[in-house]
Amino acid sequence: MVEISETELIKMFERVLILSKIDSSKSIAILKNKYSEPQVVSAAIAAVTSTGAKFYVVELIEDGKNPNQPHQFTIYDGSRLLMGNEIAKEILDSVDLVFETQEPMLEDP
């Protein structure tokens, strides 16, 4: 794996935001799960924060005990924690851009 500094990651996310014409009038969703690299999530948040855009961190919560159970979502909007699949769907439908920081869900040993 290639090592990238957090500063470089932030610059990469900022470049995507510029190309996507994201400014303070827009909103972003940052998708993550338990496998997401914290440095990548942090860099995405820092880049979005620098634009003044509203952001949501949408986290997929897995229930490893019951693989047939639907996954649940938690959503952090910068000031409060929300829960629920319907809220997550509404947010994902309404944002201008989605950053995917999720890693593949692997089977736990």
N, C-alpha and C. Protein backbone atom coordinates (compact mmCIF):
# COMPACT_ATOMS: atom_id res chain seq x y z
N MET A 1 0.84 -1.18 0.00
CA MET A 1 0.00 0.00 0.00
C MET A 1 0.88 1.24 0.00
N VAL A 2 0.51 2.23 -0.78
CA VAL A 2 1.24 3.49 -0.88
C VAL A 2 0.86 4.37 0.30
N GLU A 3 1.87 4.90 0.98
CA GLU A 3 1.62 5.79 2.10
C GLU A 3 1.36 7.20 1.58
N ILE A 4 0.28 7.80 2.05
CA ILE A 4 -0.08 9.16 1.67
C ILE A 4 -0.32 9.94 2.96
N SER A 5 0.25 11.12 3.05
CA SER A 5 0.06 11.93 4.25
C SER A 5 -1.37 12.46 4.30
N GLU A 6 -1.80 12.84 5.49
CA GLU A 6 -3.15 13.39 5.63
C GLU A 6 -3.27 14.69 4.84
N THR A 7 -2.21 15.48 4.80
CA THR A 7 -2.23 16.72 4.02
C THR A 7 -2.47 16.43 2.54
N GLU A 8 -1.82 15.40 2.01
CA GLU A 8 -2.03 15.02 0.61
C GLU A 8 -3.45 14.51 0.38
N LEU A 9 -3.96 13.74 1.33
CA LEU A 9 -5.34 13.25 1.22
C LEU A 9 -6.32 14.40 1.19
N ILE A 10 -6.13 15.36 2.08
CA ILE A 10 -7.02 16.53 2.12
C ILE A 10 -6.98 17.25 0.78
N LYS A 11 -5.79 17.44 0.22
CA LYS A 11 -5.66 18.11 -1.08
C LYS A 11 -6.39 17.35 -2.18
N MET A 12 -6.32 16.02 -2.13
CA MET A 12 -7.03 15.21 -3.13
C MET A 12 -8.55 15.40 -3.01
N PHE A 13 -9.06 15.34 -1.77
CA PHE A 13 -10.49 15.56 -1.57
C PHE A 13 -10.87 16.99 -1.99
N GLU A 14 -10.03 17.97 -1.67
CA GLU A 14 -10.33 19.35 -2.06
C GLU A 14 -10.39 19.48 -3.58
N ARG A 15 -9.53 18.77 -4.27
CA ARG A 15 -9.54 18.82 -5.74
C ARG A 15 -10.87 18.28 -6.30
N VAL A 16 -11.34 17.19 -5.71
CA VAL A 16 -12.64 16.64 -6.14
C VAL A 16 -13.76 17.66 -5.86
N LEU A 17 -13.69 18.32 -4.71
CA LEU A 17 -14.71 19.32 -4.37
C LEU A 17 -14.70 20.48 -5.36
N ILE A 18 -13.50 20.92 -5.75
CA ILE A 18 -13.38 22.01 -6.73
C ILE A 18 -13.96 21.57 -8.07
N LEU A 19 -13.56 20.38 -8.52
CA LEU A 19 -14.06 19.87 -9.80
C LEU A 19 -15.57 19.67 -9.80
N SER A 20 -16.11 19.36 -8.61
CA SER A 20 -17.55 19.14 -8.48
C SER A 20 -18.31 20.42 -8.18
N LYS A 21 -17.59 21.55 -8.14
CA LYS A 21 -18.19 22.86 -7.88
C LYS A 21 -18.94 22.89 -6.55
N ILE A 22 -18.31 22.32 -5.53
CA ILE A 22 -18.91 22.30 -4.19
C ILE A 22 -18.50 23.56 -3.44
N ASP A 23 -19.50 24.26 -2.90
CA ASP A 23 -19.24 25.44 -2.08
C ASP A 23 -20.17 25.40 -0.86
N SER A 24 -20.25 26.52 -0.16
CA SER A 24 -21.04 26.54 1.08
C SER A 24 -22.53 26.36 0.86
N SER A 25 -23.00 26.42 -0.37
CA SER A 25 -24.42 26.21 -0.63
C SER A 25 -24.76 24.73 -0.87
N LYS A 26 -23.76 23.87 -0.86
CA LYS A 26 -23.94 22.45 -1.18
C LYS A 26 -23.83 21.58 0.07
N SER A 27 -24.14 20.30 -0.11
CA SER A 27 -24.02 19.34 1.00
C SER A 27 -23.37 18.05 0.50
N ILE A 28 -22.66 17.40 1.43
CA ILE A 28 -21.88 16.21 1.12
C ILE A 28 -22.24 15.12 2.12
N ALA A 29 -22.26 13.88 1.66
CA ALA A 29 -22.35 12.72 2.56
C ALA A 29 -21.02 11.99 2.49
N ILE A 30 -20.52 11.62 3.65
CA ILE A 30 -19.29 10.84 3.74
C ILE A 30 -19.68 9.47 4.27
N LEU A 31 -19.62 8.46 3.42
CA LEU A 31 -20.00 7.10 3.81
C LEU A 31 -18.82 6.40 4.46
N LYS A 32 -19.10 5.68 5.53
CA LYS A 32 -18.03 4.92 6.20
C LYS A 32 -18.62 3.67 6.84
N ASN A 33 -17.73 2.74 7.16
CA ASN A 33 -18.10 1.57 7.94
C ASN A 33 -16.94 1.27 8.88
N LYS A 34 -17.02 0.15 9.59
CA LYS A 34 -15.98 -0.12 10.59
C LYS A 34 -14.62 -0.40 9.96
N TYR A 35 -14.57 -0.64 8.67
CA TYR A 35 -13.31 -0.91 7.99
C TYR A 35 -12.69 0.37 7.39
N SER A 36 -13.39 1.47 7.42
CA SER A 36 -12.87 2.72 6.85
C SER A 36 -11.62 3.16 7.60
N GLU A 37 -10.65 3.64 6.84
CA GLU A 37 -9.43 4.18 7.44
C GLU A 37 -9.76 5.52 8.10
N PRO A 38 -9.52 5.65 9.40
CA PRO A 38 -9.83 6.92 10.08
C PRO A 38 -9.15 8.12 9.43
N GLN A 39 -7.94 7.95 8.93
CA GLN A 39 -7.22 9.05 8.29
C GLN A 39 -7.95 9.53 7.03
N VAL A 40 -8.54 8.62 6.28
CA VAL A 40 -9.27 8.99 5.07
C VAL A 40 -10.55 9.73 5.44
N VAL A 41 -11.27 9.23 6.43
CA VAL A 41 -12.50 9.89 6.88
C VAL A 41 -12.18 11.30 7.39
N SER A 42 -11.14 11.41 8.20
CA SER A 42 -10.73 12.70 8.75
C SER A 42 -10.35 13.68 7.64
N ALA A 43 -9.64 13.21 6.63
CA ALA A 43 -9.24 14.07 5.51
C ALA A 43 -10.47 14.54 4.72
N ALA A 44 -11.43 13.65 4.52
CA ALA A 44 -12.66 14.04 3.81
C ALA A 44 -13.40 15.11 4.58
N ILE A 45 -13.52 14.93 5.90
CA ILE A 45 -14.21 15.92 6.73
C ILE A 45 -13.47 17.26 6.68
N ALA A 46 -12.14 17.23 6.79
CA ALA A 46 -11.36 18.47 6.76
C ALA A 46 -11.54 19.20 5.43
N ALA A 47 -11.53 18.47 4.33
CA ALA A 47 -11.68 19.09 3.02
C ALA A 47 -13.07 19.72 2.87
N VAL A 48 -14.10 19.00 3.28
CA VAL A 48 -15.46 19.52 3.16
C VAL A 48 -15.63 20.73 4.08
N THR A 49 -15.09 20.65 5.27
CA THR A 49 -15.19 21.76 6.22
C THR A 49 -14.56 23.03 5.64
N SER A 50 -13.46 22.88 4.91
CA SER A 50 -12.78 24.05 4.33
C SER A 50 -13.64 24.77 3.29
N THR A 51 -14.62 24.09 2.71
CA THR A 51 -15.49 24.72 1.71
C THR A 51 -16.68 25.41 2.36
N GLY A 52 -16.96 25.05 3.62
CA GLY A 52 -18.15 25.58 4.28
C GLY A 52 -19.41 24.80 3.95
N ALA A 53 -19.27 23.75 3.15
CA ALA A 53 -20.44 22.93 2.78
C ALA A 53 -20.93 22.16 4.00
N LYS A 54 -22.21 21.88 4.04
CA LYS A 54 -22.78 21.05 5.09
C LYS A 54 -22.39 19.61 4.80
N PHE A 55 -22.10 18.84 5.85
CA PHE A 55 -21.75 17.45 5.60
C PHE A 55 -22.43 16.54 6.61
N TYR A 56 -22.59 15.30 6.18
CA TYR A 56 -23.14 14.23 7.01
C TYR A 56 -22.16 13.06 6.94
N VAL A 57 -21.86 12.48 8.08
CA VAL A 57 -21.10 11.24 8.10
C VAL A 57 -22.12 10.13 8.28
N VAL A 58 -22.25 9.29 7.28
CA VAL A 58 -23.24 8.21 7.28
C VAL A 58 -22.48 6.90 7.46
N GLU A 59 -22.71 6.25 8.59
CA GLU A 59 -21.97 5.03 8.90
C GLU A 59 -22.89 3.82 8.85
N LEU A 60 -22.46 2.82 8.11
CA LEU A 60 -23.16 1.55 8.04
C LEU A 60 -22.74 0.70 9.24
N ILE A 61 -23.70 0.32 10.04
CA ILE A 61 -23.44 -0.52 11.22
C ILE A 61 -23.87 -1.93 10.87
N GLU A 62 -22.93 -2.85 10.98
CA GLU A 62 -23.22 -4.25 10.66
C GLU A 62 -23.59 -5.02 11.92
N ASP A 63 -24.50 -5.94 11.75
CA ASP A 63 -24.83 -6.86 12.83
C ASP A 63 -24.20 -8.20 12.47
N GLY A 64 -22.99 -8.44 12.98
CA GLY A 64 -22.27 -9.66 12.66
C GLY A 64 -22.92 -10.92 13.18
N LYS A 65 -23.83 -10.76 14.16
CA LYS A 65 -24.48 -11.93 14.74
C LYS A 65 -25.54 -12.51 13.82
N ASN A 66 -26.17 -11.65 13.02
CA ASN A 66 -27.24 -12.11 12.17
C ASN A 66 -27.06 -11.52 10.76
N PRO A 67 -26.39 -12.25 9.88
CA PRO A 67 -26.13 -11.73 8.54
C PRO A 67 -27.39 -11.47 7.71
N ASN A 68 -28.53 -12.06 8.12
CA ASN A 68 -29.78 -11.83 7.39
C ASN A 68 -30.49 -10.57 7.85
N GLN A 69 -30.04 -10.00 8.96
CA GLN A 69 -30.63 -8.78 9.50
C GLN A 69 -30.22 -7.59 8.63
N PRO A 70 -31.15 -6.70 8.31
CA PRO A 70 -30.76 -5.53 7.53
C PRO A 70 -29.74 -4.68 8.29
N HIS A 71 -28.82 -4.07 7.55
CA HIS A 71 -27.83 -3.19 8.17
C HIS A 71 -28.52 -1.93 8.67
N GLN A 72 -27.94 -1.32 9.69
CA GLN A 72 -28.45 -0.08 10.25
C GLN A 72 -27.46 1.05 9.95
N PHE A 73 -27.94 2.26 9.96
CA PHE A 73 -27.10 3.42 9.70
C PHE A 73 -27.15 4.38 10.88
N THR A 74 -26.01 5.00 11.17
CA THR A 74 -25.99 6.16 12.05
C THR A 74 -25.51 7.33 11.20
N ILE A 75 -26.02 8.50 11.52
CA ILE A 75 -25.70 9.68 10.75
C ILE A 75 -25.27 10.77 11.71
N TYR A 76 -24.13 11.38 11.43
CA TYR A 76 -23.67 12.52 12.22
C TYR A 76 -23.68 13.73 11.31
N ASP A 77 -24.40 14.76 11.72
CA ASP A 77 -24.52 15.95 10.86
C ASP A 77 -23.70 17.12 11.35
N GLY A 78 -22.69 16.84 12.15
CA GLY A 78 -21.84 17.90 12.66
C GLY A 78 -22.22 18.39 14.04
N SER A 79 -23.47 18.16 14.43
CA SER A 79 -23.90 18.61 15.75
C SER A 79 -24.73 17.58 16.50
N ARG A 80 -25.25 16.60 15.79
CA ARG A 80 -26.09 15.61 16.47
C ARG A 80 -25.97 14.26 15.78
N LEU A 81 -26.31 13.22 16.52
CA LEU A 81 -26.27 11.86 16.01
C LEU A 81 -27.69 11.42 15.72
N LEU A 82 -27.92 10.95 14.51
CA LEU A 82 -29.23 10.46 14.09
C LEU A 82 -29.10 8.98 13.78
N MET A 83 -30.19 8.26 13.84
CA MET A 83 -30.14 6.84 13.51
C MET A 83 -31.31 6.49 12.62
N GLY A 84 -31.08 5.53 11.73
CA GLY A 84 -32.18 4.99 10.96
C GLY A 84 -31.92 4.95 9.47
N ASN A 85 -32.44 3.90 8.87
CA ASN A 85 -32.26 3.69 7.44
C ASN A 85 -33.00 4.73 6.61
N GLU A 86 -34.19 5.13 7.04
CA GLU A 86 -34.96 6.11 6.27
C GLU A 86 -34.28 7.47 6.27
N ILE A 87 -33.73 7.87 7.41
CA ILE A 87 -33.01 9.14 7.48
C ILE A 87 -31.78 9.09 6.57
N ALA A 88 -31.06 7.97 6.62
CA ALA A 88 -29.88 7.82 5.76
C ALA A 88 -30.28 7.92 4.29
N LYS A 89 -31.36 7.26 3.92
CA LYS A 89 -31.82 7.30 2.53
C LYS A 89 -32.18 8.72 2.12
N GLU A 90 -32.90 9.45 2.98
CA GLU A 90 -33.27 10.83 2.68
C GLU A 90 -32.03 11.69 2.48
N ILE A 91 -31.04 11.52 3.34
CA ILE A 91 -29.82 12.31 3.24
C ILE A 91 -29.09 11.98 1.94
N LEU A 92 -28.92 10.69 1.65
CA LEU A 92 -28.20 10.29 0.43
C LEU A 92 -28.92 10.77 -0.83
N ASP A 93 -30.25 10.83 -0.77
CA ASP A 93 -31.01 11.33 -1.92
C ASP A 93 -30.88 12.85 -2.08
N SER A 94 -30.58 13.56 -0.99
CA SER A 94 -30.62 15.01 -1.04
C SER A 94 -29.25 15.69 -1.22
N VAL A 95 -28.16 14.99 -0.95
CA VAL A 95 -26.85 15.64 -1.02
C VAL A 95 -26.39 15.84 -2.46
N ASP A 96 -25.43 16.74 -2.61
CA ASP A 96 -24.88 17.05 -3.93
C ASP A 96 -23.74 16.14 -4.33
N LEU A 97 -23.07 15.52 -3.33
CA LEU A 97 -21.92 14.66 -3.62
C LEU A 97 -21.76 13.66 -2.49
N VAL A 98 -21.30 12.46 -2.82
CA VAL A 98 -21.05 11.43 -1.82
C VAL A 98 -19.59 11.01 -1.92
N PHE A 99 -18.90 11.04 -0.76
CA PHE A 99 -17.56 10.48 -0.67
C PHE A 99 -17.70 9.11 -0.05
N GLU A 100 -17.21 8.10 -0.72
CA GLU A 100 -17.26 6.73 -0.24
C GLU A 100 -15.92 6.38 0.40
N THR A 101 -15.90 6.21 1.70
CA THR A 101 -14.66 5.82 2.39
C THR A 101 -14.76 4.41 2.94
N GLN A 102 -15.85 3.72 2.60
CA GLN A 102 -16.05 2.37 3.11
C GLN A 102 -15.08 1.40 2.47
N GLU A 103 -14.59 0.50 3.27
CA GLU A 103 -13.80 -0.61 2.78
C GLU A 103 -14.75 -1.80 2.62
N PRO A 104 -14.38 -2.78 1.83
CA PRO A 104 -15.25 -3.95 1.68
C PRO A 104 -15.51 -4.61 3.02
N MET A 105 -16.73 -5.12 3.17
CA MET A 105 -17.08 -5.83 4.38
C MET A 105 -16.55 -7.25 4.27
N LEU A 106 -15.65 -7.56 5.14
CA LEU A 106 -15.02 -8.88 5.13
C LEU A 106 -15.67 -9.76 6.19
N GLU A 107 -15.60 -11.02 5.98
CA GLU A 107 -16.11 -11.96 6.96
C GLU A 107 -15.19 -11.96 8.16
N ASP A 108 -15.75 -11.81 9.36
CA ASP A 108 -14.94 -11.90 10.57
C ASP A 108 -14.55 -13.36 10.79
N PRO A 109 -13.29 -13.59 11.22
CA PRO A 109 -12.85 -14.98 11.41
C PRO A 109 -13.58 -15.66 12.56
